[in-house]
Amino acid sequence: YNYLNKQYKSVQQSRSLANTYFHDAPYGVPGNSDAGALNSWLIWQMLGLYPVVTQPVYLVESPWFSDISMTINGNDTLRITATGLDNANSYYVQSVKVNGQQWNKNWLEHSDVMVRGGTIEFELGSEPKIWESGDVPPSPGHLVL
């Protein structure tokens, strides 16, 4: 849905899948996750990002935490914040800022926040909203150089 500038539909689907198939209990991960693919999908979803295979691109989703920091590239920090977050009812993206600048794309390039760190600030609400007005993400079949 991010490729159609309907990011809220991606959020609806990922929240539904995560809440249906992942549980804090024995056998709380669907299927065999020995290689970590299912676990890593959930972690990326909870961060509010989704890495696109073969691309230095991350789709913007909706974070499950109001404030989380990650160490990037050894000693830099990526801080992701979310105001208005209520994981049961209020998780639709209303607006995004990346490194303090208003963001109009529902995706990021690796260099935006994963090289030297930075910030992603989400404003969340209870109603779906088409907030993105920028270019759609590059096609996964198209090599970005």
C-alpha atoms as a PDB file:
ATOM      1  CA  TYR A   1       0.000   0.000   0.000  1.00  0.00           C
ATOM      2  CA  ASN A   2       2.947   2.373   0.498  1.00  0.00           C
ATOM      3  CA  TYR A   3       3.517   2.130  -3.255  1.00  0.00           C
ATOM      4  CA  LEU A   4       0.024   3.581  -3.784  1.00  0.00           C
ATOM      5  CA  ASN A   5       0.413   6.385  -1.182  1.00  0.00           C
ATOM      6  CA  LYS A   6      -2.079   4.649   1.107  1.00  0.00           C
ATOM      7  CA  GLN A   7       0.316   3.977   3.957  1.00  0.00           C
ATOM      8  CA  TYR A   8      -2.519   3.653   6.480  1.00  0.00           C
ATOM      9  CA  LYS A   9      -3.618   0.422   4.778  1.00  0.00           C
ATOM     10  CA  SER A  10      -0.128  -1.043   5.324  1.00  0.00           C
ATOM     11  CA  VAL A  11      -0.454  -0.116   8.988  1.00  0.00           C
ATOM     12  CA  GLN A  12      -3.891  -1.766   9.216  1.00  0.00           C
ATOM     13  CA  GLN A  13      -2.577  -4.997   7.698  1.00  0.00           C
ATOM     14  CA  SER A  14       0.658  -5.193   9.697  1.00  0.00           C
ATOM     15  CA  ARG A  15      -1.115  -4.452  13.014  1.00  0.00           C
ATOM     16  CA  SER A  16      -3.735  -7.071  12.274  1.00  0.00           C
ATOM     17  CA  LEU A  17      -1.134  -9.719  11.389  1.00  0.00           C
ATOM     18  CA  ALA A  18       1.052  -8.950  14.402  1.00  0.00           C
ATOM     19  CA  ASN A  19      -1.856  -8.980  16.846  1.00  0.00           C
ATOM     20  CA  THR A  20      -3.325 -12.170  15.357  1.00  0.00           C
ATOM     21  CA  TYR A  21      -0.223 -14.325  15.022  1.00  0.00           C
ATOM     22  CA  PHE A  22       2.288 -13.145  17.642  1.00  0.00           C
ATOM     23  CA  HIS A  23       1.705 -13.716  21.368  1.00  0.00           C
ATOM     24  CA  ASP A  24       3.636 -13.506  24.618  1.00  0.00           C
ATOM     25  CA  ALA A  25       3.274 -17.229  25.291  1.00  0.00           C
ATOM     26  CA  PRO A  26       4.831 -20.565  24.404  1.00  0.00           C
ATOM     27  CA  TYR A  27       4.524 -21.008  20.649  1.00  0.00           C
ATOM     28  CA  GLY A  28       3.782 -17.297  20.363  1.00  0.00           C
ATOM     29  CA  VAL A  29       5.546 -17.003  16.999  1.00  0.00           C
ATOM     30  CA  PRO A  30       3.758 -18.404  13.938  1.00  0.00           C
ATOM     31  CA  GLY A  31       5.734 -21.188  12.323  1.00  0.00           C
ATOM     32  CA  ASN A  32       9.412 -21.980  12.646  1.00  0.00           C
ATOM     33  CA  SER A  33      11.512 -18.904  13.319  1.00  0.00           C
ATOM     34  CA  ASP A  34      14.911 -20.555  13.683  1.00  0.00           C
ATOM     35  CA  ALA A  35      16.386 -18.200  11.100  1.00  0.00           C
ATOM     36  CA  GLY A  36      14.761 -15.183  12.764  1.00  0.00           C
ATOM     37  CA  ALA A  37      12.782 -13.942   9.767  1.00  0.00           C
ATOM     38  CA  LEU A  38       9.444 -13.854  11.581  1.00  0.00           C
ATOM     39  CA  ASN A  39      10.959 -12.276  14.676  1.00  0.00           C
ATOM     40  CA  SER A  40      12.786  -9.619  12.664  1.00  0.00           C
ATOM     41  CA  TRP A  41       9.598  -8.778  10.709  1.00  0.00           C
ATOM     42  CA  LEU A  42       7.835  -8.095  14.018  1.00  0.00           C
ATOM     43  CA  ILE A  43      10.694  -5.998  15.402  1.00  0.00           C
ATOM     44  CA  TRP A  44      10.839  -3.824  12.282  1.00  0.00           C
ATOM     45  CA  GLN A  45       7.052  -3.380  12.389  1.00  0.00           C
ATOM     46  CA  MET A  46       7.218  -2.353  16.029  1.00  0.00           C
ATOM     47  CA  LEU A  47       9.896   0.225  15.190  1.00  0.00           C
ATOM     48  CA  GLY A  48       7.581   1.707  12.548  1.00  0.00           C
ATOM     49  CA  LEU A  49       9.838   0.843   9.617  1.00  0.00           C
ATOM     50  CA  TYR A  50      10.037  -1.923   7.040  1.00  0.00           C
ATOM     51  CA  PRO A  51      13.282  -2.564   5.119  1.00  0.00           C
ATOM     52  CA  VAL A  52      12.774  -3.329   1.440  1.00  0.00           C
ATOM     53  CA  VAL A  53      14.910  -6.232   0.220  1.00  0.00           C
ATOM     54  CA  THR A  54      17.420  -5.256  -2.509  1.00  0.00           C
ATOM     55  CA  GLN A  55      16.918  -1.538  -1.801  1.00  0.00           C
ATOM     56  CA  PRO A  56      18.464   1.003   0.573  1.00  0.00           C
ATOM     57  CA  VAL A  57      14.850   1.933   1.382  1.00  0.00           C
ATOM     58  CA  TYR A  58      12.645   1.656   4.473  1.00  0.00           C
ATOM     59  CA  LEU A  59       8.868   1.932   4.250  1.00  0.00           C
ATOM     60  CA  VAL A  60       7.328   4.091   6.976  1.00  0.00           C
ATOM     61  CA  GLU A  61       4.816   2.147   9.077  1.00  0.00           C
ATOM     62  CA  SER A  62       3.651   2.993  12.629  1.00  0.00           C
ATOM     63  CA  PRO A  63       5.742   2.534  15.777  1.00  0.00           C
ATOM     64  CA  TRP A  64       4.496   0.578  18.781  1.00  0.00           C
ATOM     65  CA  PHE A  65       6.647   2.573  21.238  1.00  0.00           C
ATOM     66  CA  SER A  66       6.343   6.219  22.243  1.00  0.00           C
ATOM     67  CA  ASP A  67      10.131   6.646  22.491  1.00  0.00           C
ATOM     68  CA  ILE A  68      12.872   4.255  21.465  1.00  0.00           C
ATOM     69  CA  SER A  69      16.543   4.738  20.589  1.00  0.00           C
ATOM     70  CA  MET A  70      18.786   2.438  18.588  1.00  0.00           C
ATOM     71  CA  THR A  71      22.534   2.446  18.134  1.00  0.00           C
ATOM     72  CA  ILE A  72      23.321   2.977  14.463  1.00  0.00           C
ATOM     73  CA  ASN A  73      26.620   2.368  12.711  1.00  0.00           C
ATOM     74  CA  GLY A  74      28.543   1.633  15.901  1.00  0.00           C
ATOM     75  CA  ASN A  75      28.125   4.802  17.938  1.00  0.00           C
ATOM     76  CA  ASP A  76      25.380   6.999  16.472  1.00  0.00           C
ATOM     77  CA  THR A  77      21.757   7.013  17.610  1.00  0.00           C
ATOM     78  CA  LEU A  78      18.453   6.814  15.788  1.00  0.00           C
ATOM     79  CA  ARG A  79      15.623   8.029  18.029  1.00  0.00           C
ATOM     80  CA  ILE A  80      12.037   7.234  17.067  1.00  0.00           C
ATOM     81  CA  THR A  81       9.250   9.030  18.948  1.00  0.00           C
ATOM     82  CA  ALA A  82       5.480   8.841  18.658  1.00  0.00           C
ATOM     83  CA  THR A  83       3.010  11.295  20.140  1.00  0.00           C
ATOM     84  CA  GLY A  84      -0.641  10.304  20.409  1.00  0.00           C
ATOM     85  CA  LEU A  85       0.192   6.594  20.530  1.00  0.00           C
ATOM     86  CA  ASP A  86      -2.405   4.193  21.903  1.00  0.00           C
ATOM     87  CA  ASN A  87      -1.638   0.751  20.454  1.00  0.00           C
ATOM     88  CA  ALA A  88      -5.284  -0.312  20.759  1.00  0.00           C
ATOM     89  CA  ASN A  89      -6.935   2.645  19.036  1.00  0.00           C
ATOM     90  CA  SER A  90      -4.583   5.422  18.026  1.00  0.00           C
ATOM     91  CA  TYR A  91      -1.788   4.213  15.761  1.00  0.00           C
ATOM     92  CA  TYR A  92      -2.478   5.767  12.363  1.00  0.00           C
ATOM     93  CA  VAL A  93       0.209   8.152  11.128  1.00  0.00           C
ATOM     94  CA  GLN A  94      -0.988  11.741  10.898  1.00  0.00           C
ATOM     95  CA  SER A  95       2.414  13.280  10.100  1.00  0.00           C
ATOM     96  CA  VAL A  96       6.126  12.497  10.211  1.00  0.00           C
ATOM     97  CA  LYS A  97       9.267  14.553  10.723  1.00  0.00           C
ATOM     98  CA  VAL A  98      12.698  13.210   9.814  1.00  0.00           C
ATOM     99  CA  ASN A  99      15.654  14.968  11.398  1.00  0.00           C
ATOM    100  CA  GLY A 100      13.357  17.858  12.360  1.00  0.00           C
ATOM    101  CA  GLN A 101      11.993  18.386   8.837  1.00  0.00           C
ATOM    102  CA  GLN A 102       8.375  17.730   7.857  1.00  0.00           C
ATOM    103  CA  TRP A 103       8.324  14.538   5.744  1.00  0.00           C
ATOM    104  CA  ASN A 104       5.885  13.943   2.883  1.00  0.00           C
ATOM    105  CA  LYS A 105       7.067  10.511   1.675  1.00  0.00           C
ATOM    106  CA  ASN A 106       6.018   7.225   3.247  1.00  0.00           C
ATOM    107  CA  TRP A 107       9.547   5.895   2.904  1.00  0.00           C
ATOM    108  CA  LEU A 108      13.131   6.766   3.823  1.00  0.00           C
ATOM    109  CA  GLU A 109      16.464   6.166   2.203  1.00  0.00           C
ATOM    110  CA  HIS A 110      19.148   4.380   4.215  1.00  0.00           C
ATOM    111  CA  SER A 111      21.271   7.534   4.220  1.00  0.00           C
ATOM    112  CA  ASP A 112      18.457   9.576   5.832  1.00  0.00           C
ATOM    113  CA  VAL A 113      18.804   8.026   9.303  1.00  0.00           C
ATOM    114  CA  MET A 114      20.823   4.799   9.212  1.00  0.00           C
ATOM    115  CA  VAL A 115      24.295   6.171   8.478  1.00  0.00           C
ATOM    116  CA  ARG A 116      24.759   8.977  11.025  1.00  0.00           C
ATOM    117  CA  GLY A 117      21.625   8.403  13.079  1.00  0.00           C
ATOM    118  CA  GLY A 118      18.949  11.017  13.477  1.00  0.00           C
ATOM    119  CA  THR A 119      15.329  11.310  14.511  1.00  0.00           C
ATOM    120  CA  ILE A 120      11.968  10.158  13.235  1.00  0.00           C
ATOM    121  CA  GLU A 121       9.026  11.857  14.920  1.00  0.00           C
ATOM    122  CA  PHE A 122       5.564  10.385  14.385  1.00  0.00           C
ATOM    123  CA  GLU A 123       2.288  12.068  15.193  1.00  0.00           C
ATOM    124  CA  LEU A 124      -0.360   9.359  15.513  1.00  0.00           C
ATOM    125  CA  GLY A 125      -4.150   9.426  15.694  1.00  0.00           C
ATOM    126  CA  SER A 126      -7.175   7.149  15.742  1.00  0.00           C
ATOM    127  CA  GLU A 127      -8.375   7.846  12.194  1.00  0.00           C
ATOM    128  CA  PRO A 128      -6.673   6.719   8.966  1.00  0.00           C
ATOM    129  CA  LYS A 129      -5.174   9.621   7.072  1.00  0.00           C
ATOM    130  CA  ILE A 130      -3.434   9.986   3.732  1.00  0.00           C
ATOM    131  CA  TRP A 131      -0.624  12.258   4.910  1.00  0.00           C
ATOM    132  CA  GLU A 132       1.927  11.428   2.234  1.00  0.00           C
ATOM    133  CA  SER A 133       2.067  13.652  -0.822  1.00  0.00           C
ATOM    134  CA  GLY A 134       5.589  12.931  -2.036  1.00  0.00           C
ATOM    135  CA  ASP A 135       6.922  10.379  -4.482  1.00  0.00           C
ATOM    136  CA  VAL A 136       6.077   6.732  -3.912  1.00  0.00           C
ATOM    137  CA  PRO A 137       8.961   4.401  -2.995  1.00  0.00           C
ATOM    138  CA  PRO A 138      11.147   3.126  -5.817  1.00  0.00           C
ATOM    139  CA  SER A 139      10.088  -0.246  -7.150  1.00  0.00           C
ATOM    140  CA  PRO A 140      11.899  -3.197  -5.498  1.00  0.00           C
ATOM    141  CA  GLY A 141      12.784  -4.376  -9.006  1.00  0.00           C
ATOM    142  CA  HIS A 142      14.556  -1.085  -9.766  1.00  0.00           C
ATOM    143  CA  LEU A 143      18.134  -0.796  -8.559  1.00  0.00           C
ATOM    144  CA  VAL A 144      18.816   2.465  -6.719  1.00  0.00           C
ATOM    145  CA  LEU A 145      22.436   3.581  -7.025  1.00  0.00           C
END
